[in-house]
C-alpha atoms as a PDB file:
ATOM      1  CA  MET A   1      67.297  23.476 -24.204  1.00  0.00           C
ATOM      2  CA  GLU A   2      65.570  19.881 -23.804  1.00  0.00           C
ATOM      3  CA  ASP A   3      67.944  19.478 -20.570  1.00  0.00           C
ATOM      4  CA  ILE A   4      66.791  22.541 -19.153  1.00  0.00           C
ATOM      5  CA  MET A   5      62.754  21.579 -19.663  1.00  0.00           C
ATOM      6  CA  LYS A   6      63.950  18.178 -18.266  1.00  0.00           C
ATOM      7  CA  ARG A   7      64.868  19.860 -15.547  1.00  0.00           C
ATOM      8  CA  VAL A   8      62.155  22.589 -15.019  1.00  0.00           C
ATOM      9  CA  PHE A   9      59.568  19.135 -15.942  1.00  0.00           C
ATOM     10  CA  GLY A  10      61.326  17.638 -12.633  1.00  0.00           C
ATOM     11  CA  THR A  11      61.388  20.047 -10.258  1.00  0.00           C
ATOM     12  CA  ALA A  12      57.342  20.845 -10.823  1.00  0.00           C
ATOM     13  CA  LEU A  13      56.779  17.285 -10.562  1.00  0.00           C
ATOM     14  CA  THR A  14      58.449  17.238  -7.266  1.00  0.00           C
ATOM     15  CA  TYR A  15      57.080  20.247  -6.141  1.00  0.00           C
ATOM     16  CA  LEU A  16      53.538  18.901  -6.909  1.00  0.00           C
ATOM     17  CA  THR A  17      54.405  15.095  -5.354  1.00  0.00           C
ATOM     18  CA  ALA A  18      55.003  17.287  -2.395  1.00  0.00           C
ATOM     19  CA  VAL A  19      52.054  19.195  -2.659  1.00  0.00           C
ATOM     20  CA  THR A  20      49.640  16.297  -2.876  1.00  0.00           C
ATOM     21  CA  ALA A  21      51.367  14.358  -0.338  1.00  0.00           C
ATOM     22  CA  SER A  22      50.754  17.469   1.875  1.00  0.00           C
ATOM     23  CA  LEU A  23      47.053  17.483   1.145  1.00  0.00           C
ATOM     24  CA  ILE A  24      47.033  13.860   1.474  1.00  0.00           C
ATOM     25  CA  PHE A  25      48.348  13.860   4.752  1.00  0.00           C
ATOM     26  CA  SER A  26      46.472  16.817   5.952  1.00  0.00           C
ATOM     27  CA  THR A  27      43.184  15.260   4.792  1.00  0.00           C
ATOM     28  CA  PHE A  28      44.055  12.016   6.617  1.00  0.00           C
ATOM     29  CA  ALA A  29      45.030  13.872   9.687  1.00  0.00           C
ATOM     30  CA  HIS A  30      41.654  15.329   9.744  1.00  0.00           C
ATOM     31  CA  ALA A  31      39.801  12.131   9.034  1.00  0.00           C
ATOM     32  CA  SER A  32      41.639  10.074  11.629  1.00  0.00           C
ATOM     33  CA  CYS A  33      39.588  12.855  14.116  1.00  0.00           C
ATOM     34  CA  GLY A  34      36.269  13.142  12.576  1.00  0.00           C
ATOM     35  CA  LYS A  35      33.585  14.849  14.027  1.00  0.00           C
ATOM     36  CA  ILE A  36      33.199  15.812  17.675  1.00  0.00           C
ATOM     37  CA  LYS A  37      30.540  16.323  20.150  1.00  0.00           C
ATOM     38  CA  ILE A  38      31.694  17.711  23.480  1.00  0.00           C
ATOM     39  CA  ALA A  39      28.928  18.687  26.554  1.00  0.00           C
ATOM     40  CA  GLU A  40      28.892  22.020  27.709  1.00  0.00           C
ATOM     41  CA  MET A  41      28.242  21.450  31.238  1.00  0.00           C
ATOM     42  CA  ASN A  42      25.896  24.124  32.907  1.00  0.00           C
ATOM     43  CA  TRP A  43      28.534  25.851  35.200  1.00  0.00           C
ATOM     44  CA  ALA A  44      31.328  28.102  34.279  1.00  0.00           C
ATOM     45  CA  SER A  45      34.743  25.581  34.923  1.00  0.00           C
ATOM     46  CA  ALA A  46      32.575  23.300  32.666  1.00  0.00           C
ATOM     47  CA  GLU A  47      31.923  25.789  30.121  1.00  0.00           C
ATOM     48  CA  LEU A  48      36.133  26.680  30.014  1.00  0.00           C
ATOM     49  CA  MET A  49      36.959  22.906  29.878  1.00  0.00           C
ATOM     50  CA  ALA A  50      34.580  22.433  27.076  1.00  0.00           C
ATOM     51  CA  ASN A  51      35.497  25.254  25.300  1.00  0.00           C
ATOM     52  CA  VAL A  52      39.381  24.981  25.446  1.00  0.00           C
ATOM     53  CA  ASP A  53      39.140  21.380  24.446  1.00  0.00           C
ATOM     54  CA  LYS A  54      37.258  22.712  20.934  1.00  0.00           C
ATOM     55  CA  ILE A  55      39.628  25.323  20.005  1.00  0.00           C
ATOM     56  CA  ILE A  56      42.606  22.771  20.942  1.00  0.00           C
ATOM     57  CA  LEU A  57      40.719  19.795  19.135  1.00  0.00           C
ATOM     58  CA  GLU A  58      40.105  22.228  15.995  1.00  0.00           C
ATOM     59  CA  LYS A  59      43.293  23.650  15.637  1.00  0.00           C
ATOM     60  CA  GLY A  60      45.444  21.612  17.085  1.00  0.00           C
ATOM     61  CA  TYR A  61      44.243  18.352  15.550  1.00  0.00           C
ATOM     62  CA  GLY A  62      41.882  19.125  12.997  1.00  0.00           C
ATOM     63  CA  CYS A  63      38.437  17.504  14.111  1.00  0.00           C
ATOM     64  CA  GLU A  64      35.135  19.209  13.588  1.00  0.00           C
ATOM     65  CA  VAL A  65      33.986  19.723  16.851  1.00  0.00           C
ATOM     66  CA  GLU A  66      30.442  20.497  18.010  1.00  0.00           C
ATOM     67  CA  LEU A  67      29.327  21.921  21.690  1.00  0.00           C
ATOM     68  CA  VAL A  68      26.097  20.561  23.079  1.00  0.00           C
ATOM     69  CA  ALA A  69      24.202  21.509  26.041  1.00  0.00           C
ATOM     70  CA  GLY A  70      25.131  19.248  29.090  1.00  0.00           C
ATOM     71  CA  ALA A  71      24.499  18.734  33.177  1.00  0.00           C
ATOM     72  CA  THR A  72      25.616  15.561  35.022  1.00  0.00           C
ATOM     73  CA  MET A  73      23.151  12.898  34.866  1.00  0.00           C
ATOM     74  CA  PRO A  74      21.297  13.985  31.277  1.00  0.00           C
ATOM     75  CA  THR A  75      24.883  14.060  29.916  1.00  0.00           C
ATOM     76  CA  PHE A  76      25.901  10.601  31.007  1.00  0.00           C
ATOM     77  CA  THR A  77      22.815   8.748  30.483  1.00  0.00           C
ATOM     78  CA  SER A  78      23.224   9.920  26.803  1.00  0.00           C
ATOM     79  CA  MET A  79      26.733   9.028  26.400  1.00  0.00           C
ATOM     80  CA  ASN A  80      25.908   5.592  28.174  1.00  0.00           C
ATOM     81  CA  GLU A  81      22.848   4.670  26.258  1.00  0.00           C
ATOM     82  CA  LYS A  82      23.518   6.483  22.984  1.00  0.00           C
ATOM     83  CA  GLY A  83      27.466   6.904  22.943  1.00  0.00           C
ATOM     84  CA  THR A  84      26.522  10.851  22.690  1.00  0.00           C
ATOM     85  CA  PRO A  85      28.289  13.209  23.103  1.00  0.00           C
ATOM     86  CA  ASP A  86      31.939  11.781  22.648  1.00  0.00           C
ATOM     87  CA  VAL A  87      33.134  14.109  25.455  1.00  0.00           C
ATOM     88  CA  ALA A  88      32.128  15.046  28.946  1.00  0.00           C
ATOM     89  CA  PRO A  89      35.635  17.183  30.036  1.00  0.00           C
ATOM     90  CA  GLU A  90      34.144  17.726  33.867  1.00  0.00           C
ATOM     91  CA  LEU A  91      32.104  14.720  34.689  1.00  0.00           C
ATOM     92  CA  TRP A  92      31.407  14.827  38.745  1.00  0.00           C
ATOM     93  CA  ALA A  93      31.823  11.078  39.173  1.00  0.00           C
ATOM     94  CA  ASN A  94      30.435  10.385  42.406  1.00  0.00           C
ATOM     95  CA  ALA A  95      26.933  11.050  41.149  1.00  0.00           C
ATOM     96  CA  VAL A  96      27.092   8.120  38.886  1.00  0.00           C
ATOM     97  CA  ALA A  97      29.803   5.825  40.281  1.00  0.00           C
ATOM     98  CA  VAL A  98      28.093   2.407  40.074  1.00  0.00           C
ATOM     99  CA  PRO A  99      26.520   3.142  36.180  1.00  0.00           C
ATOM    100  CA  LEU A 100      30.075   4.315  35.088  1.00  0.00           C
ATOM    101  CA  LYS A 101      31.931   1.382  36.687  1.00  0.00           C
ATOM    102  CA  LYS A 102      29.491  -0.951  34.509  1.00  0.00           C
ATOM    103  CA  ALA A 103      30.141   0.860  31.403  1.00  0.00           C
ATOM    104  CA  VAL A 104      33.532   1.090  31.880  1.00  0.00           C
ATOM    105  CA  SER A 105      33.815  -2.314  32.631  1.00  0.00           C
ATOM    106  CA  GLU A 106      31.550  -3.215  29.266  1.00  0.00           C
ATOM    107  CA  ASN A 107      33.840  -0.664  27.082  1.00  0.00           C
ATOM    108  CA  ARG A 108      31.175   1.539  26.273  1.00  0.00           C
ATOM    109  CA  LEU A 109      32.856   4.764  28.185  1.00  0.00           C
ATOM    110  CA  ILE A 110      36.034   5.233  29.040  1.00  0.00           C
ATOM    111  CA  VAL A 111      37.857   7.707  31.764  1.00  0.00           C
ATOM    112  CA  ALA A 112      40.174   9.402  29.784  1.00  0.00           C
ATOM    113  CA  ASN A 113      41.207  11.562  32.963  1.00  0.00           C
ATOM    114  CA  LYS A 114      40.847  10.821  36.144  1.00  0.00           C
ATOM    115  CA  ALA A 115      41.514  14.402  37.604  1.00  0.00           C
ATOM    116  CA  PRO A 116      41.645  17.120  35.395  1.00  0.00           C
ATOM    117  CA  ILE A 117      41.383  19.596  37.969  1.00  0.00           C
ATOM    118  CA  THR A 118      43.121  19.694  41.032  1.00  0.00           C
ATOM    119  CA  GLY A 119      42.442  20.874  44.387  1.00  0.00           C
ATOM    120  CA  LEU A 120      38.383  20.573  44.193  1.00  0.00           C
ATOM    121  CA  GLY A 121      35.875  19.425  46.268  1.00  0.00           C
ATOM    122  CA  GLU A 122      33.692  20.564  48.618  1.00  0.00           C
ATOM    123  CA  GLY A 123      33.854  20.967  52.394  1.00  0.00           C
ATOM    124  CA  TRP A 124      34.413  23.929  55.448  1.00  0.00           C
ATOM    125  CA  TRP A 125      35.957  26.906  54.990  1.00  0.00           C
ATOM    126  CA  LEU A 126      37.616  29.984  56.448  1.00  0.00           C
ATOM    127  CA  PRO A 127      38.889  33.395  55.131  1.00  0.00           C
ATOM    128  CA  PRO A 128      42.650  33.840  54.851  1.00  0.00           C
ATOM    129  CA  ALA A 129      42.493  36.610  57.435  1.00  0.00           C
ATOM    130  CA  THR A 130      41.146  34.355  60.045  1.00  0.00           C
ATOM    131  CA  VAL A 131      43.689  31.396  59.537  1.00  0.00           C
ATOM    132  CA  LYS A 132      46.660  34.082  60.118  1.00  0.00           C
ATOM    133  CA  LYS A 133      44.904  35.299  63.131  1.00  0.00           C
ATOM    134  CA  HIS A 134      44.139  32.330  64.571  1.00  0.00           C
ATOM    135  CA  PRO A 135      46.955  29.952  63.198  1.00  0.00           C
ATOM    136  CA  GLU A 136      46.333  27.682  66.243  1.00  0.00           C
ATOM    137  CA  LEU A 137      42.775  26.835  64.316  1.00  0.00           C
ATOM    138  CA  LYS A 138      44.422  23.999  62.107  1.00  0.00           C
ATOM    139  CA  THR A 139      41.289  21.374  61.786  1.00  0.00           C
ATOM    140  CA  ALA A 140      37.561  21.792  61.810  1.00  0.00           C
ATOM    141  CA  LEU A 141      37.888  19.961  65.664  1.00  0.00           C
ATOM    142  CA  ASP A 142      39.889  23.601  66.584  1.00  0.00           C
ATOM    143  CA  VAL A 143      37.562  25.423  64.938  1.00  0.00           C
ATOM    144  CA  LEU A 144      34.509  23.579  67.198  1.00  0.00           C
ATOM    145  CA  LYS A 145      35.985  24.848  70.048  1.00  0.00           C
ATOM    146  CA  ARG A 146      35.960  28.403  69.478  1.00  0.00           C
ATOM    147  CA  PRO A 147      32.033  29.345  68.597  1.00  0.00           C
ATOM    148  CA  ASP A 148      33.033  32.614  70.260  1.00  0.00           C
ATOM    149  CA  LEU A 149      35.120  33.646  66.883  1.00  0.00           C
ATOM    150  CA  PHE A 150      32.084  33.301  65.234  1.00  0.00           C
ATOM    151  CA  PRO A 151      29.404  34.973  66.878  1.00  0.00           C
ATOM    152  CA  TYR A 152      26.036  34.454  65.573  1.00  0.00           C
ATOM    153  CA  SER A 153      24.247  38.000  64.233  1.00  0.00           C
ATOM    154  CA  GLU A 154      20.758  36.854  66.194  1.00  0.00           C
ATOM    155  CA  ASP A 155      22.762  35.550  69.129  1.00  0.00           C
ATOM    156  CA  LYS A 156      26.010  36.683  70.028  1.00  0.00           C
ATOM    157  CA  SER A 157      26.529  33.713  73.040  1.00  0.00           C
ATOM    158  CA  LYS A 158      26.490  31.264  69.780  1.00  0.00           C
ATOM    159  CA  GLY A 159      28.324  30.575  67.200  1.00  0.00           C
ATOM    160  CA  ALA A 160      27.635  30.649  63.169  1.00  0.00           C
ATOM    161  CA  PHE A 161      28.249  27.960  61.148  1.00  0.00           C
ATOM    162  CA  ILE A 162      26.877  28.772  57.347  1.00  0.00           C
ATOM    163  CA  GLY A 163      25.539  25.489  55.949  1.00  0.00           C
ATOM    164  CA  CYS A 164      23.678  25.111  52.585  1.00  0.00           C
ATOM    165  CA  PRO A 165      20.437  26.318  51.427  1.00  0.00           C
ATOM    166  CA  ALA A 166      17.492  24.439  51.597  1.00  0.00           C
ATOM    167  CA  GLY A 167      16.714  22.051  49.089  1.00  0.00           C
ATOM    168  CA  TRP A 168      20.672  21.476  48.251  1.00  0.00           C
ATOM    169  CA  GLY A 169      21.944  18.212  48.483  1.00  0.00           C
ATOM    170  CA  CYS A 170      24.560  19.343  50.822  1.00  0.00           C
ATOM    171  CA  GLN A 171      22.125  20.754  53.483  1.00  0.00           C
ATOM    172  CA  LEU A 172      21.425  16.959  54.637  1.00  0.00           C
ATOM    173  CA  VAL A 173      25.374  16.539  54.574  1.00  0.00           C
ATOM    174  CA  ASN A 174      25.674  19.805  56.716  1.00  0.00           C
ATOM    175  CA  ALA A 175      22.732  19.121  58.855  1.00  0.00           C
ATOM    176  CA  ASN A 176      24.245  15.308  59.505  1.00  0.00           C
ATOM    177  CA  LEU A 177      27.823  16.484  60.191  1.00  0.00           C
ATOM    178  CA  PHE A 178      26.517  19.161  62.546  1.00  0.00           C
ATOM    179  CA  ARG A 179      24.721  16.369  64.632  1.00  0.00           C
ATOM    180  CA  ALA A 180      27.818  13.814  64.435  1.00  0.00           C
ATOM    181  CA  PHE A 181      29.895  16.535  65.701  1.00  0.00           C
ATOM    182  CA  GLU A 182      27.584  17.463  68.313  1.00  0.00           C
ATOM    183  CA  MET A 183      28.080  21.061  67.434  1.00  0.00           C
ATOM    184  CA  GLU A 184      24.817  22.653  69.248  1.00  0.00           C
ATOM    185  CA  LYS A 185      26.171  21.657  72.495  1.00  0.00           C
ATOM    186  CA  LYS A 186      29.445  23.178  71.997  1.00  0.00           C
ATOM    187  CA  GLY A 187      27.403  26.179  71.411  1.00  0.00           C
ATOM    188  CA  TRP A 188      27.281  26.360  67.821  1.00  0.00           C
ATOM    189  CA  VAL A 189      24.282  27.160  64.997  1.00  0.00           C
ATOM    190  CA  LEU A 190      23.456  25.886  61.787  1.00  0.00           C
ATOM    191  CA  VAL A 191      22.614  28.931  59.747  1.00  0.00           C
ATOM    192  CA  ASP A 192      20.481  28.191  56.217  1.00  0.00           C
ATOM    193  CA  PRO A 193      21.910  31.024  54.233  1.00  0.00           C
ATOM    194  CA  GLY A 194      18.424  30.730  51.831  1.00  0.00           C
ATOM    195  CA  SER A 195      19.919  30.659  48.577  1.00  0.00           C
ATOM    196  CA  ALA A 196      23.047  30.594  46.813  1.00  0.00           C
ATOM    197  CA  ALA A 197      22.931  34.647  46.492  1.00  0.00           C
ATOM    198  CA  GLY A 198      22.420  34.491  50.426  1.00  0.00           C
ATOM    199  CA  LEU A 199      25.505  32.023  50.872  1.00  0.00           C
ATOM    200  CA  ASP A 200      27.689  33.881  48.404  1.00  0.00           C
ATOM    201  CA  GLY A 201      26.792  37.472  50.492  1.00  0.00           C
ATOM    202  CA  SER A 202      27.291  36.050  53.611  1.00  0.00           C
ATOM    203  CA  MET A 203      31.002  35.045  52.678  1.00  0.00           C
ATOM    204  CA  ALA A 204      31.449  38.257  50.660  1.00  0.00           C
ATOM    205  CA  LYS A 205      30.197  40.516  53.822  1.00  0.00           C
ATOM    206  CA  ALA A 206      32.494  38.849  56.435  1.00  0.00           C
ATOM    207  CA  VAL A 207      35.557  38.659  54.000  1.00  0.00           C
ATOM    208  CA  GLU A 208      35.533  42.376  52.916  1.00  0.00           C
ATOM    209  CA  ARG A 209      35.105  43.553  56.404  1.00  0.00           C
ATOM    210  CA  GLY A 210      37.945  41.322  58.073  1.00  0.00           C
ATOM    211  CA  GLU A 211      35.637  39.384  59.703  1.00  0.00           C
ATOM    212  CA  ASN A 212      35.377  35.805  60.331  1.00  0.00           C
ATOM    213  CA  TRP A 213      33.474  33.246  58.540  1.00  0.00           C
ATOM    214  CA  PHE A 214      32.687  29.578  58.914  1.00  0.00           C
ATOM    215  CA  GLY A 215      30.783  27.756  56.271  1.00  0.00           C
ATOM    216  CA  TYR A 216      30.527  25.384  53.578  1.00  0.00           C
ATOM    217  CA  TYR A 217      31.209  25.706  50.340  1.00  0.00           C
ATOM    218  CA  TRP A 218      33.316  24.249  47.285  1.00  0.00           C
ATOM    219  CA  SER A 219      35.910  24.397  44.404  1.00  0.00           C
ATOM    220  CA  PRO A 220      36.212  25.471  41.682  1.00  0.00           C
ATOM    221  CA  THR A 221      34.385  28.118  41.923  1.00  0.00           C
ATOM    222  CA  SER A 222      34.653  31.873  41.857  1.00  0.00           C
ATOM    223  CA  MET A 223      33.955  32.860  45.129  1.00  0.00           C
ATOM    224  CA  ILE A 224      37.235  30.562  46.426  1.00  0.00           C
ATOM    225  CA  GLY A 225      39.386  31.866  43.521  1.00  0.00           C
ATOM    226  CA  LYS A 226      38.430  35.887  44.534  1.00  0.00           C
ATOM    227  CA  TYR A 227      38.600  35.351  48.869  1.00  0.00           C
ATOM    228  CA  LYS A 228      41.404  33.012  48.687  1.00  0.00           C
ATOM    229  CA  MET A 229      39.741  30.695  51.192  1.00  0.00           C
ATOM    230  CA  HIS A 230      41.044  28.265  53.149  1.00  0.00           C
ATOM    231  CA  LYS A 231      39.835  24.606  53.038  1.00  0.00           C
ATOM    232  CA  LEU A 232      39.981  23.061  56.843  1.00  0.00           C
ATOM    233  CA  ASP A 233      41.175  19.538  57.273  1.00  0.00           C
ATOM    234  CA  PHE A 234      38.329  18.374  59.009  1.00  0.00           C
ATOM    235  CA  GLY A 235      40.396  16.343  61.918  1.00  0.00           C
ATOM    236  CA  VAL A 236      39.280  13.038  61.609  1.00  0.00           C
ATOM    237  CA  PRO A 237      38.923  10.436  58.773  1.00  0.00           C
ATOM    238  CA  PHE A 238      36.260   9.778  56.433  1.00  0.00           C
ATOM    239  CA  VAL A 239      34.059   7.517  57.463  1.00  0.00           C
ATOM    240  CA  GLY A 240      33.189   4.950  54.487  1.00  0.00           C
ATOM    241  CA  LYS A 241      31.040   5.350  51.912  1.00  0.00           C
ATOM    242  CA  ASP A 242      28.728   2.509  53.377  1.00  0.00           C
ATOM    243  CA  HIS A 243      27.918   5.005  56.051  1.00  0.00           C
ATOM    244  CA  TRP A 244      28.326   8.522  54.091  1.00  0.00           C
ATOM    245  CA  ASP A 245      25.852   6.966  51.343  1.00  0.00           C
ATOM    246  CA  ASN A 246      23.302   5.216  53.579  1.00  0.00           C
ATOM    247  CA  CYS A 247      22.835   7.873  56.186  1.00  0.00           C
ATOM    248  CA  ILE A 248      24.938  11.066  56.179  1.00  0.00           C
ATOM    249  CA  VAL A 249      23.392  12.216  52.835  1.00  0.00           C
ATOM    250  CA  LYS A 250      20.009  11.095  53.572  1.00  0.00           C
ATOM    251  CA  PRO A 251      17.456  13.148  55.742  1.00  0.00           C
ATOM    252  CA  GLU A 252      17.576  13.225  59.724  1.00  0.00           C
ATOM    253  CA  LYS A 253      14.811  10.699  59.603  1.00  0.00           C
ATOM    254  CA  ASP A 254      16.656   8.066  57.629  1.00  0.00           C
ATOM    255  CA  CYS A 255      20.039   8.799  59.463  1.00  0.00           C
ATOM    256  CA  ALA A 256      19.565   8.631  63.223  1.00  0.00           C
ATOM    257  CA  SER A 257      23.133   8.484  64.172  1.00  0.00           C
ATOM    258  CA  PRO A 258      25.526   9.789  62.392  1.00  0.00           C
ATOM    259  CA  LYS A 259      29.252   9.375  62.585  1.00  0.00           C
ATOM    260  CA  LYS A 260      31.934  11.865  62.638  1.00  0.00           C
ATOM    261  CA  SER A 261      33.552  11.821  59.186  1.00  0.00           C
ATOM    262  CA  SER A 262      35.775  14.250  56.571  1.00  0.00           C
ATOM    263  CA  TRP A 263      34.037  15.464  53.439  1.00  0.00           C
ATOM    264  CA  VAL A 264      33.516  12.143  50.996  1.00  0.00           C
ATOM    265  CA  LYS A 265      36.605  13.016  48.424  1.00  0.00           C
ATOM    266  CA  SER A 266      35.191  14.600  45.145  1.00  0.00           C
ATOM    267  CA  GLU A 267      35.738  12.658  42.038  1.00  0.00           C
ATOM    268  CA  VAL A 268      35.778  14.311  38.782  1.00  0.00           C
ATOM    269  CA  ASN A 269      36.622  12.125  35.298  1.00  0.00           C
ATOM    270  CA  SER A 270      36.851  13.221  31.954  1.00  0.00           C
ATOM    271  CA  VAL A 271      35.307  10.493  29.978  1.00  0.00           C
ATOM    272  CA  VAL A 272      35.248   9.898  26.202  1.00  0.00           C
ATOM    273  CA  SER A 273      32.838   7.491  24.385  1.00  0.00           C
ATOM    274  CA  ALA A 274      34.315   4.251  22.788  1.00  0.00           C
ATOM    275  CA  ASN A 275      33.330   6.144  19.517  1.00  0.00           C
ATOM    276  CA  PHE A 276      36.104   8.594  20.181  1.00  0.00           C
ATOM    277  CA  LYS A 277      38.617   6.030  21.341  1.00  0.00           C
ATOM    278  CA  LYS A 278      38.290   4.349  17.769  1.00  0.00           C
ATOM    279  CA  ASN A 279      37.936   7.593  15.715  1.00  0.00           C
ATOM    280  CA  ALA A 280      39.919  10.366  17.554  1.00  0.00           C
ATOM    281  CA  GLY A 281      42.378   8.644  19.242  1.00  0.00           C
ATOM    282  CA  VAL A 282      44.980  10.967  17.482  1.00  0.00           C
ATOM    283  CA  ALA A 283      43.274  13.425  20.432  1.00  0.00           C
ATOM    284  CA  LEU A 284      43.412  10.932  23.231  1.00  0.00           C
ATOM    285  CA  ASP A 285      46.581  11.452  24.839  1.00  0.00           C
ATOM    286  CA  TYR A 286      45.666  15.560  24.903  1.00  0.00           C
ATOM    287  CA  ILE A 287      42.533  14.565  26.905  1.00  0.00           C
ATOM    288  CA  THR A 288      44.336  12.227  29.085  1.00  0.00           C
ATOM    289  CA  LYS A 289      47.028  15.377  29.922  1.00  0.00           C
ATOM    290  CA  ARG A 290      45.114  17.914  30.525  1.00  0.00           C
ATOM    291  CA  VAL A 291      45.092  18.596  33.953  1.00  0.00           C
ATOM    292  CA  TYR A 292      44.107  22.356  35.192  1.00  0.00           C
ATOM    293  CA  PRO A 293      45.948  23.807  38.478  1.00  0.00           C
ATOM    294  CA  GLY A 294      43.088  24.976  41.131  1.00  0.00           C
ATOM    295  CA  ASP A 295      44.645  27.895  41.407  1.00  0.00           C
ATOM    296  CA  ILE A 296      44.554  28.784  37.831  1.00  0.00           C
ATOM    297  CA  MET A 297      41.126  27.485  37.385  1.00  0.00           C
ATOM    298  CA  ASN A 298      40.121  29.640  40.063  1.00  0.00           C
ATOM    299  CA  SER A 299      41.275  32.365  38.950  1.00  0.00           C
ATOM    300  CA  MET A 300      39.607  32.013  35.486  1.00  0.00           C
ATOM    301  CA  LEU A 301      36.287  31.377  37.253  1.00  0.00           C
ATOM    302  CA  VAL A 302      36.921  34.953  39.223  1.00  0.00           C
ATOM    303  CA  PHE A 303      37.976  36.089  35.287  1.00  0.00           C
ATOM    304  CA  MET A 304      34.648  35.127  34.248  1.00  0.00           C
ATOM    305  CA  THR A 305      32.542  36.096  36.805  1.00  0.00           C
ATOM    306  CA  ASP A 306      34.041  40.228  36.870  1.00  0.00           C
ATOM    307  CA  GLN A 307      34.113  40.013  33.055  1.00  0.00           C
ATOM    308  CA  LYS A 308      30.735  38.559  32.670  1.00  0.00           C
ATOM    309  CA  ALA A 309      32.267  36.135  30.253  1.00  0.00           C
ATOM    310  CA  GLY A 310      30.807  33.111  28.852  1.00  0.00           C
ATOM    311  CA  GLY A 311      33.157  29.873  28.119  1.00  0.00           C
ATOM    312  CA  LYS A 312      33.884  30.998  24.939  1.00  0.00           C
ATOM    313  CA  ASP A 313      35.875  34.276  25.901  1.00  0.00           C
ATOM    314  CA  ALA A 314      37.127  32.467  28.753  1.00  0.00           C
ATOM    315  CA  ALA A 315      38.889  29.677  26.627  1.00  0.00           C
ATOM    316  CA  PHE A 316      40.645  32.225  24.688  1.00  0.00           C
ATOM    317  CA  GLU A 317      41.994  34.144  27.744  1.00  0.00           C
ATOM    318  CA  PHE A 318      43.395  30.774  29.435  1.00  0.00           C
ATOM    319  CA  LEU A 319      45.017  30.217  25.832  1.00  0.00           C
ATOM    320  CA  ALA A 320      46.311  33.516  25.937  1.00  0.00           C
ATOM    321  CA  LYS A 321      48.027  33.693  29.304  1.00  0.00           C
ATOM    322  CA  HIS A 322      48.506  30.222  30.320  1.00  0.00           C
ATOM    323  CA  GLY A 323      50.510  29.094  27.555  1.00  0.00           C
ATOM    324  CA  LYS A 324      53.073  27.317  29.980  1.00  0.00           C
ATOM    325  CA  ILE A 325      50.415  25.147  31.473  1.00  0.00           C
ATOM    326  CA  TRP A 326      48.049  23.940  28.058  1.00  0.00           C
ATOM    327  CA  GLU A 327      51.299  23.904  26.065  1.00  0.00           C
ATOM    328  CA  SER A 328      52.642  21.131  27.836  1.00  0.00           C
ATOM    329  CA  TRP A 329      49.281  18.993  27.305  1.00  0.00           C
ATOM    330  CA  VAL A 330      50.405  18.679  23.659  1.00  0.00           C
ATOM    331  CA  SER A 331      53.323  18.091  21.144  1.00  0.00           C
ATOM    332  CA  SER A 332      55.057  21.510  20.177  1.00  0.00           C
ATOM    333  CA  ASP A 333      53.686  20.624  16.336  1.00  0.00           C
ATOM    334  CA  VAL A 334      49.834  20.929  17.832  1.00  0.00           C
ATOM    335  CA  ALA A 335      51.006  23.893  20.188  1.00  0.00           C
ATOM    336  CA  LYS A 336      52.128  25.991  17.516  1.00  0.00           C
ATOM    337  CA  LYS A 337      49.109  25.892  15.193  1.00  0.00           C
ATOM    338  CA  VAL A 338      46.990  26.551  18.169  1.00  0.00           C
ATOM    339  CA  LYS A 339      48.672  29.453  18.773  1.00  0.00           C
ATOM    340  CA  SER A 340      48.673  30.480  15.567  1.00  0.00           C
ATOM    341  CA  ALA A 341      44.707  30.682  15.693  1.00  0.00           C
ATOM    342  CA  LEU A 342      44.344  32.796  18.392  1.00  0.00           C
END
């Protein structure tokens, strides 16, 4: 009887020790991540990324995550000066290039991921049907020779190039490139679409009618995803940051002689605070590895538009439908935890 009691007590003690160790490890793992604030920027792709990060960091790494409203300049300024929020999943870095470089050199911020989305950027686009019908239109230079293919509604003898609405930064860029490529002499009209809705509407109308369309847009966006638009190579090299920053992006009065150029490369980073690296280092590897393929991101933006879905619903949709992508960003153990929570 005494031997039996010893064995029972020994087994119970072993079990209790294992449970205690498990709880200690779980608590330690949770503490090793801690509380995190993530900027939920005010555009669709950034909303999606912030919510995916929240789910994976909470369910997979045991972090306590709070989403805070964000936008490029306010978020960067707060991170740089106050060290919060801890993560900016989709920071368009061209707008803060100089201060970001300084913050990184002074160890306040870390560029954890230099390219979290592939295939993004601004530029000039054609519908896929136009590209299929006219395979000779390989670059913008080729398109500029054929204004007849893109007749302007108010003067059919001219070609219509759809630029940006007044007040947008890209309006100045398109106006200067229009001059640099001498498009007016070649028979083109720079058309102001009037608004974001006007720009979207002009593209949608043309594509759905099978008509040609030539103009400015950017990716990732639901429009590019929905219509599978083709981004043109400009056919000329990038002019360089000095001329771009000191002429191309400025009003005509400050850019007397713009030079031909391809569009400046869009730099989008995932940036984290020094505190995140220190307190949640266990999750830094995830931020470093997570890269959204451009076509998948565009398809998710189409989903958000069609379903009128917010970032949270879109995040669950992405995690449920695209396991092959996100599971490669984390360990198998973390992936199991996240999948069990979906």
